[in-house]
N, C-alpha and C. Protein backbone atom coordinates (compact mmCIF):
# COMPACT_ATOMS: atom_id res chain seq x y z
N ASN A 1 1.89 -0.65 -7.62
CA ASN A 1 2.55 -1.63 -8.46
C ASN A 1 1.63 -2.83 -8.65
N VAL A 2 1.96 -3.66 -9.60
CA VAL A 2 1.10 -4.79 -9.97
C VAL A 2 0.92 -5.75 -8.79
N HIS A 3 2.00 -6.03 -8.09
CA HIS A 3 1.94 -6.97 -6.96
C HIS A 3 0.96 -6.49 -5.89
N ASP A 4 1.09 -5.22 -5.47
CA ASP A 4 0.20 -4.68 -4.44
C ASP A 4 -1.25 -4.65 -4.91
N SER A 5 -1.45 -4.26 -6.16
CA SER A 5 -2.81 -4.18 -6.69
C SER A 5 -3.46 -5.56 -6.70
N ARG A 6 -2.74 -6.57 -7.16
CA ARG A 6 -3.28 -7.94 -7.18
C ARG A 6 -3.56 -8.45 -5.77
N ASP A 7 -2.59 -8.25 -4.86
CA ASP A 7 -2.76 -8.72 -3.49
C ASP A 7 -3.93 -8.04 -2.80
N MET A 8 -3.99 -6.71 -2.92
CA MET A 8 -5.07 -5.97 -2.29
C MET A 8 -6.41 -6.36 -2.91
N GLY A 9 -6.44 -6.48 -4.22
CA GLY A 9 -7.68 -6.85 -4.90
C GLY A 9 -8.17 -8.23 -4.50
N ALA A 10 -7.27 -9.20 -4.42
CA ALA A 10 -7.65 -10.55 -4.03
C ALA A 10 -8.15 -10.57 -2.58
N PHE A 11 -7.46 -9.85 -1.71
CA PHE A 11 -7.87 -9.79 -0.31
C PHE A 11 -9.25 -9.16 -0.18
N LEU A 12 -9.45 -8.01 -0.83
CA LEU A 12 -10.73 -7.32 -0.73
C LEU A 12 -11.86 -8.12 -1.39
N SER A 13 -11.56 -8.78 -2.48
CA SER A 13 -12.56 -9.61 -3.15
C SER A 13 -13.07 -10.69 -2.20
N GLN A 14 -12.15 -11.32 -1.50
CA GLN A 14 -12.53 -12.36 -0.54
C GLN A 14 -13.25 -11.75 0.67
N ALA A 15 -12.72 -10.65 1.20
CA ALA A 15 -13.31 -10.03 2.39
C ALA A 15 -14.71 -9.49 2.13
N LEU A 16 -14.93 -8.96 0.92
CA LEU A 16 -16.21 -8.35 0.58
C LEU A 16 -17.14 -9.30 -0.15
N ASP A 17 -16.61 -10.43 -0.60
CA ASP A 17 -17.37 -11.42 -1.36
C ASP A 17 -17.96 -10.82 -2.64
N ILE A 18 -17.12 -10.06 -3.36
CA ILE A 18 -17.50 -9.51 -4.66
C ILE A 18 -16.31 -9.63 -5.60
N ASP A 19 -16.58 -9.57 -6.88
CA ASP A 19 -15.50 -9.56 -7.87
C ASP A 19 -14.89 -8.17 -7.94
N ILE A 20 -13.57 -8.14 -7.96
CA ILE A 20 -12.85 -6.87 -8.03
C ILE A 20 -11.86 -6.95 -9.18
N HIS A 21 -11.91 -5.94 -10.02
CA HIS A 21 -10.95 -5.81 -11.11
C HIS A 21 -9.75 -5.03 -10.57
N CYS A 22 -8.57 -5.55 -10.77
CA CYS A 22 -7.35 -4.90 -10.26
C CYS A 22 -6.64 -4.15 -11.39
N GLY A 23 -6.05 -3.04 -11.04
CA GLY A 23 -5.32 -2.27 -12.03
C GLY A 23 -4.39 -1.28 -11.39
N LEU A 24 -3.64 -0.60 -12.22
CA LEU A 24 -2.70 0.41 -11.78
C LEU A 24 -3.27 1.80 -12.00
N LEU A 25 -2.76 2.76 -11.27
CA LEU A 25 -3.25 4.13 -11.41
C LEU A 25 -3.12 4.64 -12.83
N ASP A 26 -1.99 4.40 -13.46
CA ASP A 26 -1.79 4.87 -14.84
C ASP A 26 -2.87 4.31 -15.77
N ASP A 27 -3.22 3.04 -15.60
CA ASP A 27 -4.27 2.43 -16.42
C ASP A 27 -5.63 3.05 -16.13
N LEU A 28 -5.88 3.33 -14.86
CA LEU A 28 -7.16 3.94 -14.47
C LEU A 28 -7.30 5.31 -15.12
N TYR A 29 -6.24 6.10 -15.11
CA TYR A 29 -6.32 7.45 -15.65
C TYR A 29 -6.55 7.45 -17.15
N ILE A 30 -6.03 6.46 -17.84
CA ILE A 30 -6.24 6.36 -19.29
C ILE A 30 -7.71 6.08 -19.59
N THR A 31 -8.35 5.28 -18.73
CA THR A 31 -9.75 4.89 -18.95
C THR A 31 -10.67 5.45 -17.88
N ALA A 32 -10.33 6.60 -17.32
CA ALA A 32 -11.08 7.15 -16.17
C ALA A 32 -12.57 7.31 -16.47
N GLU A 33 -12.89 7.81 -17.63
CA GLU A 33 -14.31 8.04 -17.95
C GLU A 33 -15.08 6.73 -18.04
N SER A 34 -14.52 5.75 -18.75
CA SER A 34 -15.22 4.47 -18.86
C SER A 34 -15.21 3.71 -17.54
N ALA A 35 -14.15 3.87 -16.75
CA ALA A 35 -14.11 3.21 -15.44
C ALA A 35 -15.19 3.76 -14.53
N ALA A 36 -15.41 5.06 -14.58
CA ALA A 36 -16.44 5.68 -13.75
C ALA A 36 -17.83 5.17 -14.14
N GLU A 37 -18.02 4.90 -15.42
CA GLU A 37 -19.30 4.36 -15.89
C GLU A 37 -19.44 2.87 -15.57
N ARG A 38 -18.36 2.14 -15.68
CA ARG A 38 -18.40 0.68 -15.56
C ARG A 38 -18.47 0.19 -14.12
N TYR A 39 -17.77 0.85 -13.20
CA TYR A 39 -17.65 0.34 -11.83
C TYR A 39 -18.51 1.12 -10.85
N ASP A 40 -19.04 0.39 -9.90
CA ASP A 40 -19.83 1.01 -8.83
C ASP A 40 -18.93 1.68 -7.81
N LEU A 41 -17.74 1.13 -7.61
CA LEU A 41 -16.76 1.68 -6.68
C LEU A 41 -15.38 1.64 -7.30
N ILE A 42 -14.59 2.63 -6.97
CA ILE A 42 -13.18 2.64 -7.34
C ILE A 42 -12.43 2.76 -6.02
N ILE A 43 -11.68 1.72 -5.68
CA ILE A 43 -11.02 1.63 -4.38
C ILE A 43 -9.53 1.90 -4.56
N THR A 44 -9.02 2.77 -3.71
CA THR A 44 -7.59 3.06 -3.70
C THR A 44 -7.15 3.24 -2.25
N THR A 45 -5.88 3.46 -2.05
CA THR A 45 -5.38 3.68 -0.69
C THR A 45 -5.51 5.15 -0.33
N PHE A 46 -5.45 5.45 0.97
CA PHE A 46 -5.48 6.85 1.40
C PHE A 46 -4.33 7.63 0.77
N HIS A 47 -3.21 6.96 0.52
CA HIS A 47 -2.04 7.63 -0.06
C HIS A 47 -2.34 8.18 -1.46
N HIS A 48 -3.26 7.55 -2.16
CA HIS A 48 -3.57 7.95 -3.53
C HIS A 48 -4.97 8.56 -3.68
N LEU A 49 -5.69 8.69 -2.57
CA LEU A 49 -7.09 9.10 -2.65
C LEU A 49 -7.28 10.47 -3.30
N ALA A 50 -6.53 11.47 -2.88
CA ALA A 50 -6.70 12.81 -3.46
C ALA A 50 -6.40 12.81 -4.95
N GLU A 51 -5.35 12.11 -5.32
CA GLU A 51 -4.95 12.04 -6.73
C GLU A 51 -6.02 11.36 -7.58
N VAL A 52 -6.54 10.23 -7.11
CA VAL A 52 -7.56 9.49 -7.86
C VAL A 52 -8.84 10.31 -7.95
N THR A 53 -9.25 10.89 -6.82
CA THR A 53 -10.46 11.71 -6.81
C THR A 53 -10.36 12.86 -7.80
N GLN A 54 -9.20 13.48 -7.86
CA GLN A 54 -8.99 14.60 -8.77
C GLN A 54 -9.09 14.17 -10.23
N ASN A 55 -8.71 12.94 -10.52
CA ASN A 55 -8.70 12.46 -11.90
C ASN A 55 -9.99 11.78 -12.34
N MET A 56 -10.93 11.62 -11.43
CA MET A 56 -12.18 10.96 -11.76
C MET A 56 -13.31 11.99 -11.85
N ALA A 57 -14.19 11.79 -12.81
CA ALA A 57 -15.31 12.72 -12.98
C ALA A 57 -16.33 12.56 -11.86
N THR A 58 -16.46 11.37 -11.32
CA THR A 58 -17.44 11.10 -10.27
C THR A 58 -16.72 10.70 -8.99
N ALA A 59 -16.40 11.70 -8.18
CA ALA A 59 -15.63 11.48 -6.95
C ALA A 59 -16.37 10.63 -5.93
N GLU A 60 -17.70 10.62 -5.97
CA GLU A 60 -18.45 9.85 -4.98
C GLU A 60 -18.27 8.34 -5.14
N LYS A 61 -17.78 7.89 -6.28
CA LYS A 61 -17.51 6.46 -6.47
C LYS A 61 -16.14 6.05 -5.94
N VAL A 62 -15.30 7.02 -5.63
CA VAL A 62 -13.93 6.72 -5.18
C VAL A 62 -13.92 6.56 -3.66
N VAL A 63 -13.35 5.44 -3.21
CA VAL A 63 -13.27 5.13 -1.79
C VAL A 63 -11.81 4.85 -1.45
N GLY A 64 -11.35 5.43 -0.36
CA GLY A 64 -9.99 5.21 0.10
C GLY A 64 -9.97 4.22 1.26
N ILE A 65 -8.94 3.40 1.28
CA ILE A 65 -8.76 2.47 2.39
C ILE A 65 -7.39 2.72 3.01
N ASP A 66 -7.31 2.41 4.28
CA ASP A 66 -6.08 2.61 5.03
C ASP A 66 -5.27 1.32 5.01
N THR A 67 -4.04 1.42 4.55
CA THR A 67 -3.12 0.28 4.62
C THR A 67 -2.07 0.60 5.65
N ARG A 68 -1.72 -0.39 6.44
CA ARG A 68 -0.78 -0.20 7.53
C ARG A 68 0.27 -1.29 7.53
N VAL A 69 1.36 -1.00 8.21
CA VAL A 69 2.38 -2.02 8.42
C VAL A 69 1.74 -3.10 9.29
N SER A 70 1.92 -4.35 8.90
CA SER A 70 1.27 -5.44 9.63
C SER A 70 1.81 -5.54 11.06
N PRO A 71 0.99 -6.02 11.99
CA PRO A 71 1.45 -6.20 13.37
C PRO A 71 2.67 -7.13 13.48
N GLU A 72 2.71 -8.15 12.64
CA GLU A 72 3.86 -9.07 12.65
C GLU A 72 5.14 -8.33 12.28
N THR A 73 5.05 -7.45 11.29
CA THR A 73 6.21 -6.65 10.90
C THR A 73 6.62 -5.71 12.01
N MET A 74 5.67 -5.04 12.63
CA MET A 74 5.98 -4.11 13.71
C MET A 74 6.63 -4.84 14.90
N LEU A 75 6.20 -6.06 15.16
CA LEU A 75 6.80 -6.85 16.24
C LEU A 75 8.26 -7.16 15.92
N LYS A 76 8.54 -7.52 14.69
CA LYS A 76 9.93 -7.79 14.29
C LYS A 76 10.79 -6.52 14.43
N ILE A 77 10.22 -5.39 14.03
CA ILE A 77 10.96 -4.13 14.14
C ILE A 77 11.20 -3.78 15.60
N ALA A 78 10.20 -3.99 16.44
CA ALA A 78 10.32 -3.66 17.87
C ALA A 78 11.42 -4.47 18.55
N ARG A 79 11.75 -5.61 18.00
CA ARG A 79 12.79 -6.47 18.59
C ARG A 79 14.20 -6.11 18.13
N LEU A 80 14.34 -5.17 17.24
CA LEU A 80 15.66 -4.77 16.76
C LEU A 80 16.39 -4.02 17.86
N PRO A 81 17.55 -4.50 18.28
CA PRO A 81 18.20 -3.91 19.45
C PRO A 81 19.04 -2.66 19.20
N LYS A 82 19.55 -2.49 18.00
CA LYS A 82 20.51 -1.40 17.76
C LYS A 82 19.81 -0.14 17.25
N PRO A 83 20.44 1.03 17.43
CA PRO A 83 19.75 2.30 17.20
C PRO A 83 19.70 2.83 15.76
N ASN A 84 20.53 2.33 14.86
CA ASN A 84 20.56 2.89 13.51
C ASN A 84 19.80 1.98 12.55
N ILE A 85 18.70 2.53 12.00
CA ILE A 85 17.81 1.74 11.13
C ILE A 85 17.76 2.38 9.75
N GLY A 86 17.89 1.56 8.73
CA GLY A 86 17.74 2.02 7.35
C GLY A 86 16.50 1.38 6.74
N VAL A 87 15.73 2.17 5.99
CA VAL A 87 14.49 1.71 5.37
C VAL A 87 14.59 1.91 3.87
N VAL A 88 14.28 0.86 3.11
CA VAL A 88 14.30 0.95 1.65
C VAL A 88 12.93 0.52 1.13
N SER A 89 12.39 1.31 0.20
CA SER A 89 11.11 0.97 -0.43
C SER A 89 11.19 1.32 -1.91
N THR A 90 10.09 1.05 -2.61
CA THR A 90 10.07 1.36 -4.04
C THR A 90 9.60 2.78 -4.32
N LEU A 91 8.81 3.36 -3.41
CA LEU A 91 8.27 4.70 -3.62
C LEU A 91 8.74 5.67 -2.54
N GLN A 92 9.00 6.90 -2.94
CA GLN A 92 9.45 7.94 -2.01
C GLN A 92 8.46 8.17 -0.88
N ASN A 93 7.16 8.26 -1.22
CA ASN A 93 6.18 8.53 -0.15
C ASN A 93 6.08 7.37 0.83
N THR A 94 6.33 6.15 0.38
CA THR A 94 6.33 5.00 1.29
C THR A 94 7.53 5.09 2.23
N SER A 95 8.69 5.46 1.71
CA SER A 95 9.87 5.63 2.55
C SER A 95 9.65 6.69 3.62
N HIS A 96 9.06 7.82 3.23
CA HIS A 96 8.78 8.89 4.19
C HIS A 96 7.79 8.43 5.26
N MET A 97 6.74 7.77 4.83
CA MET A 97 5.72 7.29 5.76
C MET A 97 6.32 6.31 6.76
N LEU A 98 7.13 5.38 6.28
CA LEU A 98 7.76 4.40 7.17
C LEU A 98 8.72 5.06 8.14
N LYS A 99 9.46 6.01 7.64
CA LYS A 99 10.41 6.74 8.50
C LYS A 99 9.66 7.44 9.63
N HIS A 100 8.54 8.09 9.31
CA HIS A 100 7.76 8.79 10.34
C HIS A 100 7.11 7.81 11.33
N ILE A 101 6.64 6.68 10.85
CA ILE A 101 6.08 5.67 11.75
C ILE A 101 7.16 5.20 12.72
N LEU A 102 8.33 4.90 12.19
CA LEU A 102 9.41 4.42 13.05
C LEU A 102 9.84 5.47 14.06
N TYR A 103 9.91 6.74 13.64
CA TYR A 103 10.26 7.80 14.59
C TYR A 103 9.20 7.94 15.69
N SER A 104 7.94 7.67 15.35
CA SER A 104 6.90 7.79 16.37
C SER A 104 7.05 6.72 17.44
N TYR A 105 7.58 5.57 17.08
CA TYR A 105 7.82 4.50 18.04
C TYR A 105 9.19 4.63 18.71
N TYR A 106 10.17 5.10 17.94
CA TYR A 106 11.56 5.14 18.41
C TYR A 106 12.17 6.52 18.17
N PRO A 107 11.76 7.53 18.92
CA PRO A 107 12.24 8.90 18.64
C PRO A 107 13.75 9.07 18.85
N GLY A 108 14.37 8.20 19.62
CA GLY A 108 15.80 8.35 19.87
C GLY A 108 16.69 7.63 18.89
N ARG A 109 16.12 6.95 17.93
CA ARG A 109 16.93 6.20 16.97
C ARG A 109 17.23 7.05 15.74
N THR A 110 18.27 6.64 15.02
CA THR A 110 18.60 7.28 13.75
C THR A 110 17.96 6.43 12.65
N ILE A 111 17.13 7.06 11.84
CA ILE A 111 16.42 6.32 10.79
C ILE A 111 16.72 6.99 9.45
N LEU A 112 17.30 6.21 8.56
CA LEU A 112 17.60 6.67 7.20
C LEU A 112 16.61 6.02 6.25
N ALA A 113 16.26 6.71 5.18
CA ALA A 113 15.32 6.16 4.21
C ALA A 113 15.84 6.39 2.79
N ALA A 114 15.57 5.42 1.93
CA ALA A 114 15.98 5.52 0.52
C ALA A 114 14.99 4.73 -0.34
N THR A 115 15.01 5.02 -1.62
CA THR A 115 14.22 4.22 -2.56
C THR A 115 15.17 3.37 -3.38
N ILE A 116 14.66 2.24 -3.83
CA ILE A 116 15.49 1.25 -4.53
C ILE A 116 16.01 1.78 -5.86
N ASP A 117 15.39 2.82 -6.40
CA ASP A 117 15.86 3.37 -7.68
C ASP A 117 17.08 4.28 -7.53
N ASP A 118 17.61 4.39 -6.31
CA ASP A 118 18.84 5.16 -6.06
C ASP A 118 19.87 4.20 -5.45
N PRO A 119 20.53 3.37 -6.30
CA PRO A 119 21.42 2.32 -5.80
C PRO A 119 22.53 2.83 -4.88
N GLU A 120 23.12 3.97 -5.20
CA GLU A 120 24.20 4.48 -4.35
C GLU A 120 23.70 4.84 -2.96
N GLU A 121 22.53 5.44 -2.89
CA GLU A 121 21.94 5.79 -1.59
C GLU A 121 21.57 4.52 -0.80
N VAL A 122 21.10 3.50 -1.48
CA VAL A 122 20.78 2.23 -0.81
C VAL A 122 22.06 1.60 -0.25
N ARG A 123 23.13 1.63 -1.02
CA ARG A 123 24.41 1.09 -0.54
C ARG A 123 24.91 1.87 0.68
N ARG A 124 24.83 3.21 0.62
CA ARG A 124 25.25 4.04 1.73
C ARG A 124 24.40 3.75 2.98
N LEU A 125 23.09 3.71 2.80
CA LEU A 125 22.18 3.41 3.89
C LEU A 125 22.51 2.07 4.54
N THR A 126 22.80 1.08 3.72
CA THR A 126 23.12 -0.26 4.22
C THR A 126 24.43 -0.24 5.03
N ARG A 127 25.42 0.50 4.55
CA ARG A 127 26.70 0.60 5.27
C ARG A 127 26.54 1.30 6.63
N GLU A 128 25.70 2.31 6.69
CA GLU A 128 25.57 3.14 7.89
C GLU A 128 24.52 2.64 8.89
N SER A 129 23.78 1.61 8.54
CA SER A 129 22.68 1.15 9.40
C SER A 129 23.02 -0.14 10.11
N ASP A 130 22.63 -0.21 11.37
CA ASP A 130 22.75 -1.46 12.12
C ASP A 130 21.74 -2.49 11.61
N HIS A 131 20.56 -1.99 11.28
CA HIS A 131 19.48 -2.85 10.79
C HIS A 131 18.94 -2.27 9.49
N VAL A 132 18.64 -3.14 8.54
CA VAL A 132 18.07 -2.72 7.27
C VAL A 132 16.68 -3.32 7.14
N LEU A 133 15.71 -2.47 6.83
CA LEU A 133 14.34 -2.88 6.59
C LEU A 133 14.03 -2.58 5.14
N ALA A 134 13.26 -3.44 4.50
CA ALA A 134 12.87 -3.21 3.11
C ALA A 134 11.45 -3.69 2.89
N THR A 135 10.71 -2.96 2.08
CA THR A 135 9.37 -3.42 1.73
C THR A 135 9.52 -4.69 0.90
N TYR A 136 8.50 -5.52 0.96
CA TYR A 136 8.57 -6.80 0.25
C TYR A 136 8.74 -6.62 -1.25
N THR A 137 8.37 -5.46 -1.78
CA THR A 137 8.49 -5.21 -3.22
C THR A 137 9.93 -5.01 -3.68
N CYS A 138 10.84 -4.73 -2.73
CA CYS A 138 12.23 -4.49 -3.15
C CYS A 138 13.24 -5.24 -2.29
N ALA A 139 12.81 -6.11 -1.40
CA ALA A 139 13.73 -6.81 -0.49
C ALA A 139 14.78 -7.61 -1.25
N ASP A 140 14.37 -8.31 -2.30
CA ASP A 140 15.32 -9.10 -3.08
C ASP A 140 16.34 -8.20 -3.78
N GLN A 141 15.89 -7.05 -4.28
CA GLN A 141 16.79 -6.11 -4.94
C GLN A 141 17.81 -5.54 -3.96
N VAL A 142 17.39 -5.28 -2.73
CA VAL A 142 18.31 -4.77 -1.71
C VAL A 142 19.40 -5.80 -1.46
N ALA A 143 19.02 -7.05 -1.33
CA ALA A 143 19.99 -8.12 -1.09
C ALA A 143 20.96 -8.25 -2.27
N GLU A 144 20.45 -8.20 -3.49
CA GLU A 144 21.31 -8.30 -4.67
C GLU A 144 22.26 -7.11 -4.78
N LEU A 145 21.75 -5.93 -4.51
CA LEU A 145 22.51 -4.70 -4.65
C LEU A 145 23.59 -4.54 -3.59
N THR A 146 23.30 -4.99 -2.37
CA THR A 146 24.21 -4.72 -1.25
C THR A 146 24.89 -5.98 -0.69
N GLY A 147 24.40 -7.15 -1.06
CA GLY A 147 24.94 -8.37 -0.50
C GLY A 147 24.46 -8.61 0.93
N ARG A 148 23.48 -7.84 1.34
CA ARG A 148 22.94 -7.94 2.69
C ARG A 148 21.42 -8.09 2.63
N ALA A 149 20.93 -9.19 3.19
CA ALA A 149 19.48 -9.38 3.24
C ALA A 149 18.88 -8.45 4.29
N PRO A 150 17.71 -7.92 4.05
CA PRO A 150 17.07 -7.07 5.06
C PRO A 150 16.83 -7.83 6.36
N ASP A 151 16.99 -7.13 7.48
CA ASP A 151 16.69 -7.73 8.77
C ASP A 151 15.19 -7.97 8.92
N VAL A 152 14.41 -7.06 8.34
CA VAL A 152 12.95 -7.18 8.38
C VAL A 152 12.42 -6.84 6.99
N VAL A 153 11.55 -7.70 6.47
CA VAL A 153 10.84 -7.41 5.23
C VAL A 153 9.48 -6.85 5.65
N ILE A 154 9.19 -5.64 5.22
CA ILE A 154 7.98 -4.94 5.64
C ILE A 154 6.79 -5.39 4.81
N GLU A 155 5.77 -5.87 5.51
CA GLU A 155 4.51 -6.28 4.90
C GLU A 155 3.43 -5.31 5.34
N PHE A 156 2.47 -5.08 4.47
CA PHE A 156 1.34 -4.20 4.76
C PHE A 156 0.05 -4.99 4.78
N GLN A 157 -0.96 -4.44 5.42
CA GLN A 157 -2.30 -5.04 5.40
C GLN A 157 -3.34 -3.93 5.39
N VAL A 158 -4.53 -4.29 4.94
CA VAL A 158 -5.64 -3.33 4.94
C VAL A 158 -6.19 -3.26 6.36
N ASP A 159 -6.39 -2.04 6.84
CA ASP A 159 -6.92 -1.83 8.18
C ASP A 159 -8.34 -2.37 8.28
N GLU A 160 -8.66 -2.98 9.41
CA GLU A 160 -9.98 -3.60 9.62
C GLU A 160 -11.13 -2.59 9.51
N GLN A 161 -10.93 -1.37 9.99
CA GLN A 161 -11.99 -0.36 9.88
C GLN A 161 -12.31 -0.04 8.42
N SER A 162 -11.29 -0.07 7.56
CA SER A 162 -11.53 0.16 6.14
C SER A 162 -12.36 -0.97 5.54
N ILE A 163 -12.08 -2.18 5.96
CA ILE A 163 -12.86 -3.32 5.47
C ILE A 163 -14.31 -3.18 5.89
N GLN A 164 -14.54 -2.83 7.15
CA GLN A 164 -15.91 -2.65 7.64
C GLN A 164 -16.62 -1.54 6.88
N PHE A 165 -15.92 -0.44 6.62
CA PHE A 165 -16.50 0.66 5.86
C PHE A 165 -16.88 0.19 4.45
N LEU A 166 -15.99 -0.55 3.80
CA LEU A 166 -16.28 -1.04 2.46
C LEU A 166 -17.47 -2.00 2.46
N LYS A 167 -17.56 -2.84 3.47
CA LYS A 167 -18.71 -3.76 3.57
C LYS A 167 -20.01 -2.99 3.65
N ARG A 168 -20.03 -1.93 4.46
CA ARG A 168 -21.24 -1.11 4.56
C ARG A 168 -21.55 -0.44 3.22
N ARG A 169 -20.51 0.06 2.58
CA ARG A 169 -20.70 0.75 1.29
C ARG A 169 -21.23 -0.22 0.23
N VAL A 170 -20.70 -1.42 0.18
CA VAL A 170 -21.17 -2.42 -0.78
C VAL A 170 -22.61 -2.80 -0.47
N HIS A 171 -22.93 -2.97 0.81
CA HIS A 171 -24.31 -3.30 1.19
C HIS A 171 -25.27 -2.20 0.76
N GLU A 172 -24.89 -0.94 0.96
CA GLU A 172 -25.73 0.18 0.52
C GLU A 172 -25.96 0.14 -0.99
N LEU A 173 -24.90 -0.14 -1.74
CA LEU A 173 -25.03 -0.22 -3.19
C LEU A 173 -25.93 -1.38 -3.60
N GLN A 174 -25.77 -2.50 -2.94
CA GLN A 174 -26.57 -3.67 -3.27
C GLN A 174 -28.05 -3.43 -2.99
N THR A 175 -28.36 -2.71 -1.94
CA THR A 175 -29.76 -2.45 -1.65
C THR A 175 -30.36 -1.48 -2.65
N ARG A 176 -29.54 -0.61 -3.23
CA ARG A 176 -30.02 0.34 -4.24
C ARG A 176 -30.17 -0.30 -5.62
N LYS A 177 -29.37 -1.30 -5.88
CA LYS A 177 -29.37 -1.91 -7.21
C LYS A 177 -30.37 -3.06 -7.28
N SER A 178 -30.70 -3.41 -8.46
CA SER A 178 -31.56 -4.57 -8.68
C SER A 178 -30.86 -5.82 -8.17
N GLU A 179 -31.62 -6.80 -7.75
CA GLU A 179 -31.07 -8.04 -7.22
C GLU A 179 -30.26 -8.80 -8.29
N THR A 180 -30.51 -8.55 -9.55
CA THR A 180 -29.84 -9.30 -10.61
C THR A 180 -28.54 -8.68 -11.09
N LEU A 181 -28.27 -7.43 -10.72
CA LEU A 181 -27.05 -6.79 -11.20
C LEU A 181 -25.96 -6.90 -10.14
N PRO A 182 -24.79 -7.48 -10.50
CA PRO A 182 -23.70 -7.61 -9.53
C PRO A 182 -23.00 -6.28 -9.29
N ILE A 183 -22.43 -6.13 -8.12
CA ILE A 183 -21.61 -4.97 -7.78
C ILE A 183 -20.23 -5.20 -8.38
N GLU A 184 -19.68 -4.21 -9.06
CA GLU A 184 -18.34 -4.32 -9.60
C GLU A 184 -17.50 -3.20 -9.04
N ALA A 185 -16.26 -3.56 -8.72
CA ALA A 185 -15.33 -2.57 -8.18
C ALA A 185 -13.98 -2.76 -8.84
N THR A 186 -13.19 -1.72 -8.83
CA THR A 186 -11.82 -1.81 -9.30
C THR A 186 -10.90 -1.32 -8.19
N SER A 187 -9.77 -1.94 -8.08
CA SER A 187 -8.77 -1.56 -7.08
C SER A 187 -7.52 -1.09 -7.80
N SER A 188 -7.07 0.11 -7.49
CA SER A 188 -5.89 0.66 -8.14
C SER A 188 -4.92 1.20 -7.12
N ILE A 189 -3.65 0.96 -7.37
CA ILE A 189 -2.59 1.49 -6.51
C ILE A 189 -1.66 2.29 -7.39
């Protein structure tokens, strides 16, 4: 989504000290050929890596990064005392991923997952859960739809190892390129 792409792009631009063009997957696929020619790197998340690689003519320019639930978010979740947890996100694969992460920490709890585009399921999940978690992209919608604010708003961050990998990759590109040509990258979610 636009919010994640902008946030990730701004963060990576600062962390890598390079300009990064942000975009969405749909936009990338429309201009895949010109994007492959224009950018030295195309950065996406591990969740979209296979899909992006398949749609790009030059797979070696595509780099995946790992995004994880932030430690602050995990700490808030760890403090939830009751056993029934509901998770709401904007994408199905995000809901599944969060559900599996939570089960790995809390195998004895009941964890329900839904996407915000299924209002009836979100209402049911909210009624049946002691605690409601929502990704920051849909937390306000959950509150509007159910009259209940999420107990925890889930935030994500780029994993530090991914940042280090990208720094090495950018350095390699910079050493190969002329000193006068800037490195350009695009970030798509």
